[in-house]
C-alpha atoms as a PDB file:
ATOM      1  CA  MET A   1       8.989  61.971  88.403  1.00  0.00           C
ATOM      2  CA  GLU A   2      11.331  64.951  88.089  1.00  0.00           C
ATOM      3  CA  ASP A   3       9.982  66.287  84.786  1.00  0.00           C
ATOM      4  CA  ASN A   4       6.500  66.733  86.282  1.00  0.00           C
ATOM      5  CA  LYS A   5       7.364  67.741  89.839  1.00  0.00           C
ATOM      6  CA  ASP A   6       5.986  71.306  89.614  1.00  0.00           C
ATOM      7  CA  ILE A   7       2.702  70.386  87.898  1.00  0.00           C
ATOM      8  CA  ASN A   8      -0.559  70.866  89.780  1.00  0.00           C
ATOM      9  CA  TRP A   9      -2.290  67.715  88.555  1.00  0.00           C
ATOM     10  CA  LYS A  10      -5.209  68.139  90.975  1.00  0.00           C
ATOM     11  CA  GLU A  11      -6.076  71.498  89.461  1.00  0.00           C
ATOM     12  CA  LEU A  12      -5.880  70.093  85.932  1.00  0.00           C
ATOM     13  CA  ASP A  13      -8.073  67.131  86.903  1.00  0.00           C
ATOM     14  CA  GLN A  14     -10.856  69.515  87.934  1.00  0.00           C
ATOM     15  CA  LYS A  15     -11.113  71.102  84.487  1.00  0.00           C
ATOM     16  CA  LYS A  16     -14.270  70.095  82.539  1.00  0.00           C
ATOM     17  CA  ASP A  17     -15.484  70.578  78.995  1.00  0.00           C
ATOM     18  CA  LYS A  18     -18.836  72.181  78.148  1.00  0.00           C
ATOM     19  CA  TRP A  19     -20.565  68.823  78.654  1.00  0.00           C
ATOM     20  CA  GLY A  20     -19.074  68.388  82.113  1.00  0.00           C
ATOM     21  CA  LYS A  21     -16.627  65.673  81.079  1.00  0.00           C
ATOM     22  CA  PRO A  22     -12.999  65.710  82.299  1.00  0.00           C
ATOM     23  CA  LEU A  23     -10.680  67.486  79.878  1.00  0.00           C
ATOM     24  CA  ASN A  24      -7.707  65.215  80.698  1.00  0.00           C
ATOM     25  CA  LEU A  25      -5.363  68.126  80.228  1.00  0.00           C
ATOM     26  CA  ILE A  26      -1.602  68.009  79.769  1.00  0.00           C
ATOM     27  CA  PRO A  27       0.486  70.946  81.069  1.00  0.00           C
ATOM     28  CA  LYS A  28       1.638  73.603  78.630  1.00  0.00           C
ATOM     29  CA  ALA A  29       5.022  73.095  77.034  1.00  0.00           C
ATOM     30  CA  ASN A  30       7.861  74.304  79.232  1.00  0.00           C
ATOM     31  CA  GLN A  31      11.505  74.664  78.210  1.00  0.00           C
ATOM     32  CA  ALA A  32      12.883  74.011  81.679  1.00  0.00           C
ATOM     33  CA  THR A  33      11.151  70.620  81.965  1.00  0.00           C
ATOM     34  CA  GLN A  34      11.126  69.504  78.328  1.00  0.00           C
ATOM     35  CA  ALA A  35      14.662  70.637  77.528  1.00  0.00           C
ATOM     36  CA  GLY A  36      16.977  71.798  80.322  1.00  0.00           C
ATOM     37  CA  TYR A  37      19.537  69.176  79.332  1.00  0.00           C
ATOM     38  CA  TYR A  38      22.432  70.979  80.975  1.00  0.00           C
ATOM     39  CA  GLU A  39      20.763  70.926  84.393  1.00  0.00           C
ATOM     40  CA  LYS A  40      19.663  67.325  83.866  1.00  0.00           C
ATOM     41  CA  TRP A  41      23.223  66.324  82.966  1.00  0.00           C
ATOM     42  CA  LEU A  42      24.553  68.002  86.100  1.00  0.00           C
ATOM     43  CA  ARG A  43      22.091  66.048  88.243  1.00  0.00           C
ATOM     44  CA  LYS A  44      22.398  62.689  86.484  1.00  0.00           C
ATOM     45  CA  PRO A  45      25.470  62.606  84.233  1.00  0.00           C
ATOM     46  CA  ASN A  46      25.204  58.860  83.646  1.00  0.00           C
ATOM     47  CA  GLU A  47      21.853  59.358  81.873  1.00  0.00           C
ATOM     48  CA  TYR A  48      23.164  62.015  79.491  1.00  0.00           C
ATOM     49  CA  GLU A  49      26.684  60.852  78.638  1.00  0.00           C
ATOM     50  CA  PRO A  50      26.713  58.568  75.565  1.00  0.00           C
ATOM     51  CA  SER A  51      27.896  55.002  75.683  1.00  0.00           C
ATOM     52  CA  GLU A  52      30.131  53.467  73.049  1.00  0.00           C
ATOM     53  CA  GLU A  53      27.069  51.872  71.421  1.00  0.00           C
ATOM     54  CA  ASP A  54      25.277  55.259  71.399  1.00  0.00           C
ATOM     55  CA  ILE A  55      28.155  56.729  69.404  1.00  0.00           C
ATOM     56  CA  TRP A  56      28.293  53.788  66.992  1.00  0.00           C
ATOM     57  CA  CYS A  57      24.544  54.037  66.344  1.00  0.00           C
ATOM     58  CA  GLU A  58      24.408  57.809  65.921  1.00  0.00           C
ATOM     59  CA  LEU A  59      27.401  57.843  63.563  1.00  0.00           C
ATOM     60  CA  GLN A  60      25.842  55.140  61.404  1.00  0.00           C
ATOM     61  CA  LEU A  61      22.440  56.868  61.357  1.00  0.00           C
ATOM     62  CA  GLN A  62      24.149  60.000  60.022  1.00  0.00           C
ATOM     63  CA  ALA A  63      24.655  58.080  56.756  1.00  0.00           C
ATOM     64  CA  LEU A  64      20.880  58.237  56.207  1.00  0.00           C
ATOM     65  CA  SER A  65      18.804  61.159  55.080  1.00  0.00           C
ATOM     66  CA  VAL A  66      16.783  62.894  57.786  1.00  0.00           C
ATOM     67  CA  TRP A  67      13.773  61.676  55.730  1.00  0.00           C
ATOM     68  CA  GLU A  68      14.745  58.240  54.419  1.00  0.00           C
ATOM     69  CA  PRO A  69      12.118  56.170  52.552  1.00  0.00           C
ATOM     70  CA  LEU A  70      12.003  52.500  53.546  1.00  0.00           C
ATOM     71  CA  LYS A  71      10.997  49.454  51.527  1.00  0.00           C
ATOM     72  CA  TRP A  72       7.501  49.004  53.004  1.00  0.00           C
ATOM     73  CA  GLU A  73       4.347  50.086  51.163  1.00  0.00           C
ATOM     74  CA  PHE A  74       1.192  49.429  53.153  1.00  0.00           C
ATOM     75  CA  ASP A  75      -2.148  48.339  51.724  1.00  0.00           C
ATOM     76  CA  LEU A  76      -4.296  51.327  52.705  1.00  0.00           C
ATOM     77  CA  GLY A  77      -7.537  49.518  51.901  1.00  0.00           C
ATOM     78  CA  TRP A  78      -6.637  46.650  54.230  1.00  0.00           C
ATOM     79  CA  PHE A  79      -5.611  49.080  56.983  1.00  0.00           C
ATOM     80  CA  LYS A  80      -8.840  51.086  56.561  1.00  0.00           C
ATOM     81  CA  LYS A  81     -10.937  47.938  57.035  1.00  0.00           C
ATOM     82  CA  GLU A  82      -8.997  46.916  60.138  1.00  0.00           C
ATOM     83  CA  ILE A  83      -9.083  50.339  61.833  1.00  0.00           C
ATOM     84  CA  LYS A  84     -12.815  50.806  61.151  1.00  0.00           C
ATOM     85  CA  GLN A  85     -13.800  48.895  64.313  1.00  0.00           C
ATOM     86  CA  TYR A  86     -11.903  51.523  66.362  1.00  0.00           C
ATOM     87  CA  ASP A  87     -13.806  54.531  64.992  1.00  0.00           C
ATOM     88  CA  ASP A  88     -15.231  55.331  68.447  1.00  0.00           C
ATOM     89  CA  LYS A  89     -11.996  54.592  70.351  1.00  0.00           C
ATOM     90  CA  TRP A  90      -9.837  57.552  69.258  1.00  0.00           C
ATOM     91  CA  VAL A  91      -8.880  59.824  72.165  1.00  0.00           C
ATOM     92  CA  PRO A  92      -7.593  63.439  72.222  1.00  0.00           C
ATOM     93  CA  TYR A  93      -3.829  63.636  71.888  1.00  0.00           C
ATOM     94  CA  LEU A  94      -1.937  65.958  74.265  1.00  0.00           C
ATOM     95  CA  ARG A  95      -4.924  68.175  74.948  1.00  0.00           C
ATOM     96  CA  ARG A  96      -3.929  71.542  76.457  1.00  0.00           C
ATOM     97  CA  GLU A  97      -6.221  74.145  77.993  1.00  0.00           C
ATOM     98  CA  GLY A  98      -6.940  77.122  75.768  1.00  0.00           C
ATOM     99  CA  VAL A  99      -5.434  75.474  72.664  1.00  0.00           C
ATOM    100  CA  THR A 100      -7.635  74.391  69.751  1.00  0.00           C
ATOM    101  CA  ASN A 101      -6.004  71.377  68.152  1.00  0.00           C
ATOM    102  CA  ASP A 102      -8.022  68.606  66.516  1.00  0.00           C
ATOM    103  CA  ARG A 103      -5.738  65.599  66.807  1.00  0.00           C
ATOM    104  CA  GLU A 104      -6.356  62.154  68.271  1.00  0.00           C
ATOM    105  CA  GLY A 105      -4.473  58.940  68.873  1.00  0.00           C
ATOM    106  CA  LEU A 106      -4.493  55.209  69.569  1.00  0.00           C
ATOM    107  CA  CYS A 107      -1.778  53.129  71.230  1.00  0.00           C
ATOM    108  CA  LEU A 108      -0.273  49.975  69.712  1.00  0.00           C
ATOM    109  CA  MET A 109       2.670  49.483  72.092  1.00  0.00           C
ATOM    110  CA  GLY A 110       2.231  50.636  75.678  1.00  0.00           C
ATOM    111  CA  MET A 111       2.939  49.723  79.261  1.00  0.00           C
ATOM    112  CA  PRO A 112       1.842  46.274  80.499  1.00  0.00           C
ATOM    113  CA  GLY A 113      -1.937  46.326  80.907  1.00  0.00           C
ATOM    114  CA  ASP A 114      -2.463  49.385  78.687  1.00  0.00           C
ATOM    115  CA  LYS A 115      -5.507  49.704  76.454  1.00  0.00           C
ATOM    116  CA  CYS A 116      -5.404  51.377  73.063  1.00  0.00           C
ATOM    117  CA  SER A 117      -6.520  54.620  74.744  1.00  0.00           C
ATOM    118  CA  ASP A 118      -3.550  54.724  77.157  1.00  0.00           C
ATOM    119  CA  SER A 119       0.036  56.023  76.989  1.00  0.00           C
ATOM    120  CA  LEU A 120      -0.388  58.223  73.927  1.00  0.00           C
ATOM    121  CA  SER A 121       1.796  60.899  75.489  1.00  0.00           C
ATOM    122  CA  MET A 122       4.760  60.607  77.819  1.00  0.00           C
ATOM    123  CA  PRO A 123       3.328  63.164  80.329  1.00  0.00           C
ATOM    124  CA  GLU A 124       0.086  61.168  80.605  1.00  0.00           C
ATOM    125  CA  ALA A 125       1.958  57.889  81.127  1.00  0.00           C
ATOM    126  CA  ARG A 126       4.341  59.355  83.716  1.00  0.00           C
ATOM    127  CA  ARG A 127       1.365  60.820  85.535  1.00  0.00           C
ATOM    128  CA  ARG A 128      -0.366  57.441  85.812  1.00  0.00           C
ATOM    129  CA  HIS A 129       2.760  55.543  86.856  1.00  0.00           C
ATOM    130  CA  ASN A 130       4.231  58.346  88.996  1.00  0.00           C
ATOM    131  CA  LYS A 131       7.774  57.801  87.751  1.00  0.00           C
ATOM    132  CA  LYS A 132      10.107  58.716  84.924  1.00  0.00           C
ATOM    133  CA  LEU A 133       9.677  56.482  81.899  1.00  0.00           C
ATOM    134  CA  TRP A 134      11.630  55.891  78.701  1.00  0.00           C
ATOM    135  CA  GLU A 135      10.285  55.083  75.256  1.00  0.00           C
ATOM    136  CA  ILE A 136      11.603  51.505  75.530  1.00  0.00           C
ATOM    137  CA  ASP A 137       9.513  50.905  78.667  1.00  0.00           C
ATOM    138  CA  PHE A 138       6.391  50.786  76.470  1.00  0.00           C
ATOM    139  CA  ASN A 139       7.003  47.273  75.170  1.00  0.00           C
ATOM    140  CA  ALA A 140       3.614  45.572  75.607  1.00  0.00           C
ATOM    141  CA  LYS A 141       1.299  44.996  72.649  1.00  0.00           C
ATOM    142  CA  THR A 142      -2.256  46.280  72.969  1.00  0.00           C
ATOM    143  CA  GLU A 143      -5.286  44.615  71.402  1.00  0.00           C
ATOM    144  CA  LEU A 144      -5.053  47.217  68.629  1.00  0.00           C
ATOM    145  CA  TYR A 145      -1.569  45.986  67.708  1.00  0.00           C
ATOM    146  CA  ASN A 146      -2.876  42.448  67.302  1.00  0.00           C
ATOM    147  CA  ASP A 147      -5.825  43.619  65.193  1.00  0.00           C
ATOM    148  CA  LEU A 148      -3.750  45.636  62.699  1.00  0.00           C
ATOM    149  CA  GLU A 149      -2.252  42.749  60.758  1.00  0.00           C
ATOM    150  CA  SER A 150      -1.703  45.048  57.774  1.00  0.00           C
ATOM    151  CA  LEU A 151       1.203  46.623  59.706  1.00  0.00           C
ATOM    152  CA  HIS A 152       2.791  43.485  61.125  1.00  0.00           C
ATOM    153  CA  ASP A 153       5.371  42.902  58.397  1.00  0.00           C
ATOM    154  CA  MET A 154       7.255  46.044  59.406  1.00  0.00           C
ATOM    155  CA  LEU A 155       6.454  46.044  63.122  1.00  0.00           C
ATOM    156  CA  GLU A 156       7.493  42.438  63.690  1.00  0.00           C
ATOM    157  CA  TYR A 157      10.786  43.062  61.894  1.00  0.00           C
ATOM    158  CA  PHE A 158      11.927  45.344  64.731  1.00  0.00           C
ATOM    159  CA  GLN A 159      10.286  43.652  67.731  1.00  0.00           C
ATOM    160  CA  PRO A 160      10.534  44.255  70.629  1.00  0.00           C
ATOM    161  CA  LEU A 161       9.443  47.837  70.033  1.00  0.00           C
ATOM    162  CA  GLY A 162       9.065  50.915  72.210  1.00  0.00           C
ATOM    163  CA  ARG A 163       6.066  53.253  72.420  1.00  0.00           C
ATOM    164  CA  THR A 164       4.129  53.023  69.161  1.00  0.00           C
ATOM    165  CA  MET A 165       0.956  54.903  68.271  1.00  0.00           C
ATOM    166  CA  LEU A 166      -1.388  56.079  65.563  1.00  0.00           C
ATOM    167  CA  VAL A 167      -1.917  59.831  65.310  1.00  0.00           C
ATOM    168  CA  LYS A 168      -4.953  61.217  63.467  1.00  0.00           C
ATOM    169  CA  SER A 169      -4.946  64.912  62.613  1.00  0.00           C
ATOM    170  CA  ASN A 170      -8.176  66.434  61.413  1.00  0.00           C
ATOM    171  CA  ALA A 171      -8.483  69.730  59.555  1.00  0.00           C
ATOM    172  CA  GLY A 172      -6.621  72.305  61.632  1.00  0.00           C
ATOM    173  CA  GLY A 173      -4.727  69.707  63.686  1.00  0.00           C
ATOM    174  CA  TRP A 174      -1.072  70.556  64.218  1.00  0.00           C
ATOM    175  CA  PHE A 175       2.125  69.949  66.139  1.00  0.00           C
ATOM    176  CA  PRO A 176       4.242  73.029  66.897  1.00  0.00           C
ATOM    177  CA  PRO A 177       7.966  73.194  66.075  1.00  0.00           C
ATOM    178  CA  HIS A 178       9.764  70.835  68.464  1.00  0.00           C
ATOM    179  CA  LYS A 179      12.535  68.251  68.801  1.00  0.00           C
ATOM    180  CA  ASP A 180      12.236  64.671  70.074  1.00  0.00           C
ATOM    181  CA  GLN A 181      15.123  63.367  72.197  1.00  0.00           C
ATOM    182  CA  PRO A 182      17.876  65.478  70.570  1.00  0.00           C
ATOM    183  CA  ASN A 183      20.629  64.110  72.815  1.00  0.00           C
ATOM    184  CA  LEU A 184      23.008  61.296  71.809  1.00  0.00           C
ATOM    185  CA  THR A 185      21.643  59.111  74.592  1.00  0.00           C
ATOM    186  CA  ARG A 186      18.154  58.851  73.080  1.00  0.00           C
ATOM    187  CA  ASP A 187      16.879  55.330  73.681  1.00  0.00           C
ATOM    188  CA  THR A 188      15.005  54.984  70.374  1.00  0.00           C
ATOM    189  CA  PHE A 189      14.941  56.192  66.790  1.00  0.00           C
ATOM    190  CA  ARG A 190      11.715  56.753  64.902  1.00  0.00           C
ATOM    191  CA  ILE A 191       9.956  55.358  61.881  1.00  0.00           C
ATOM    192  CA  VAL A 192       6.856  57.117  60.575  1.00  0.00           C
ATOM    193  CA  ALA A 193       4.347  55.557  58.158  1.00  0.00           C
ATOM    194  CA  PHE A 194       1.495  57.440  56.469  1.00  0.00           C
ATOM    195  CA  LEU A 195      -1.690  55.405  56.433  1.00  0.00           C
ATOM    196  CA  SER A 196      -4.394  57.481  54.754  1.00  0.00           C
ATOM    197  CA  ARG A 197      -4.869  59.204  51.406  1.00  0.00           C
ATOM    198  CA  THR A 198      -5.196  62.520  53.227  1.00  0.00           C
ATOM    199  CA  THR A 199      -1.470  62.692  53.922  1.00  0.00           C
ATOM    200  CA  GLN A 200      -0.463  63.789  50.437  1.00  0.00           C
ATOM    201  CA  HIS A 201       0.993  67.194  49.561  1.00  0.00           C
ATOM    202  CA  ASP A 202      -2.230  69.246  49.521  1.00  0.00           C
ATOM    203  CA  ALA A 203      -3.702  67.645  52.663  1.00  0.00           C
ATOM    204  CA  TYR A 204      -0.885  67.337  55.183  1.00  0.00           C
ATOM    205  CA  GLU A 205       2.424  69.093  55.821  1.00  0.00           C
ATOM    206  CA  TRP A 206       5.499  67.782  57.601  1.00  0.00           C
ATOM    207  CA  GLU A 207       8.184  70.443  57.788  1.00  0.00           C
ATOM    208  CA  MET A 208      11.555  69.526  59.270  1.00  0.00           C
ATOM    209  CA  ASP A 209      14.908  71.254  59.373  1.00  0.00           C
ATOM    210  CA  GLY A 210      13.424  74.133  57.364  1.00  0.00           C
ATOM    211  CA  HIS A 211      12.192  71.891  54.546  1.00  0.00           C
ATOM    212  CA  ARG A 212       8.723  70.593  53.663  1.00  0.00           C
ATOM    213  CA  TRP A 213       9.155  66.886  52.966  1.00  0.00           C
ATOM    214  CA  PRO A 214       7.265  64.922  50.287  1.00  0.00           C
ATOM    215  CA  ILE A 215       4.892  62.232  51.565  1.00  0.00           C
ATOM    216  CA  THR A 216       3.674  59.210  49.649  1.00  0.00           C
ATOM    217  CA  PRO A 217       0.549  57.698  51.264  1.00  0.00           C
ATOM    218  CA  GLY A 218       1.243  54.123  52.329  1.00  0.00           C
ATOM    219  CA  LYS A 219       5.015  54.656  52.652  1.00  0.00           C
ATOM    220  CA  ALA A 220       7.231  54.303  55.731  1.00  0.00           C
ATOM    221  CA  TYR A 221      10.212  56.538  56.435  1.00  0.00           C
ATOM    222  CA  TYR A 222      13.064  56.745  58.892  1.00  0.00           C
ATOM    223  CA  VAL A 223      12.633  60.285  60.247  1.00  0.00           C
ATOM    224  CA  ASP A 224      15.327  62.038  62.257  1.00  0.00           C
ATOM    225  CA  THR A 225      12.948  63.661  64.721  1.00  0.00           C
ATOM    226  CA  ARG A 226      15.873  65.082  66.680  1.00  0.00           C
ATOM    227  CA  LYS A 227      15.670  67.875  64.104  1.00  0.00           C
ATOM    228  CA  THR A 228      13.154  70.658  64.634  1.00  0.00           C
ATOM    229  CA  HIS A 229       9.883  69.663  62.952  1.00  0.00           C
ATOM    230  CA  ARG A 230       6.243  70.671  62.821  1.00  0.00           C
ATOM    231  CA  THR A 231       3.099  69.295  61.167  1.00  0.00           C
ATOM    232  CA  HIS A 232      -0.244  70.660  59.973  1.00  0.00           C
ATOM    233  CA  SER A 233      -3.320  68.977  58.524  1.00  0.00           C
ATOM    234  CA  TRP A 234      -5.639  70.645  56.012  1.00  0.00           C
ATOM    235  CA  MET A 235      -8.126  67.755  55.818  1.00  0.00           C
ATOM    236  CA  ASN A 236      -9.776  65.294  58.181  1.00  0.00           C
ATOM    237  CA  ASN A 237      -8.468  61.790  58.912  1.00  0.00           C
ATOM    238  CA  SER A 238      -4.782  62.319  58.203  1.00  0.00           C
ATOM    239  CA  ILE A 239      -3.410  59.210  59.919  1.00  0.00           C
ATOM    240  CA  HIS A 240       0.225  58.359  60.523  1.00  0.00           C
ATOM    241  CA  LEU A 241       1.984  55.688  62.572  1.00  0.00           C
ATOM    242  CA  VAL A 242       4.853  56.628  64.894  1.00  0.00           C
ATOM    243  CA  VAL A 243       7.173  53.756  65.834  1.00  0.00           C
ATOM    244  CA  ASN A 244       9.880  54.060  68.494  1.00  0.00           C
ATOM    245  CA  VAL A 245      12.521  51.459  67.638  1.00  0.00           C
ATOM    246  CA  PRO A 246      15.038  50.704  70.427  1.00  0.00           C
ATOM    247  CA  LYS A 247      18.365  52.222  69.421  1.00  0.00           C
ATOM    248  CA  THR A 248      20.659  49.211  69.385  1.00  0.00           C
ATOM    249  CA  TRP A 249      23.413  48.377  66.923  1.00  0.00           C
ATOM    250  CA  GLU A 250      21.357  45.382  65.740  1.00  0.00           C
ATOM    251  CA  ASN A 251      18.341  47.591  64.962  1.00  0.00           C
ATOM    252  CA  VAL A 252      20.464  50.198  63.197  1.00  0.00           C
ATOM    253  CA  MET A 253      21.881  47.426  61.000  1.00  0.00           C
ATOM    254  CA  LYS A 254      18.337  46.214  60.345  1.00  0.00           C
ATOM    255  CA  LEU A 255      17.264  49.740  59.411  1.00  0.00           C
ATOM    256  CA  ILE A 256      19.995  50.401  56.884  1.00  0.00           C
ATOM    257  CA  SER A 257      19.183  47.035  55.310  1.00  0.00           C
ATOM    258  CA  VAL A 258      15.586  48.082  54.427  1.00  0.00           C
ATOM    259  CA  THR A 259      16.039  51.532  52.869  1.00  0.00           C
ATOM    260  CA  GLN A 260      14.327  52.069  49.519  1.00  0.00           C
ATOM    261  CA  ASN A 261      17.532  53.539  48.119  1.00  0.00           C
ATOM    262  CA  TYR A 262      20.540  51.265  48.635  1.00  0.00           C
END
């Protein structure tokens, strides 16, 4: 578990909130462990040198916008009814000590045996399994996946999927500027769908590559999250779905076949 080797998990486990409950903290962001691609390449060149299929896929994906609307438009009323039974199941997402950040999550695709409260973040999953994991390792459907039939048309199109989750940002919830798997050897690309009314322009911001992108509630987008991006919510219950689709030539061909603009 090389990315987490210097983390004092025992010390973090002892941290409690004001009610005496475990905080379930994740270590603070660290460039050496979360980036450090040069050192990682020196240690394990085979993991960081692109295959022929990697190059095919990345070249084809360059034909898309970094924020490409897809054909799907979800029924928000149907989704709201289905997710209602999970109102008390949402768990803090990437909680860090000393940082106020009101965001929560639920897992649709996780590791075998995962519940909807597991595997929301890669650090938490690696901690439980004590090994390095990739997005494509999270290929087991949780009960939540089965219950959200309103999303199945899109999700089943790309099955088998990688790690897939719902993220709910409440007022003041945010993600700092960051990149997701910026190297050519990334194992997945991402689709993001916005599943509540409080994701429109005056309620939720998604800024990427220096531009604030327009969001239509109920729409799905291919999002090039290799680019630097950040988010901020101004209202409660801003819910979006993050789907890691295995980066194969077949899936890239599927993706470019379902763009809204063709």
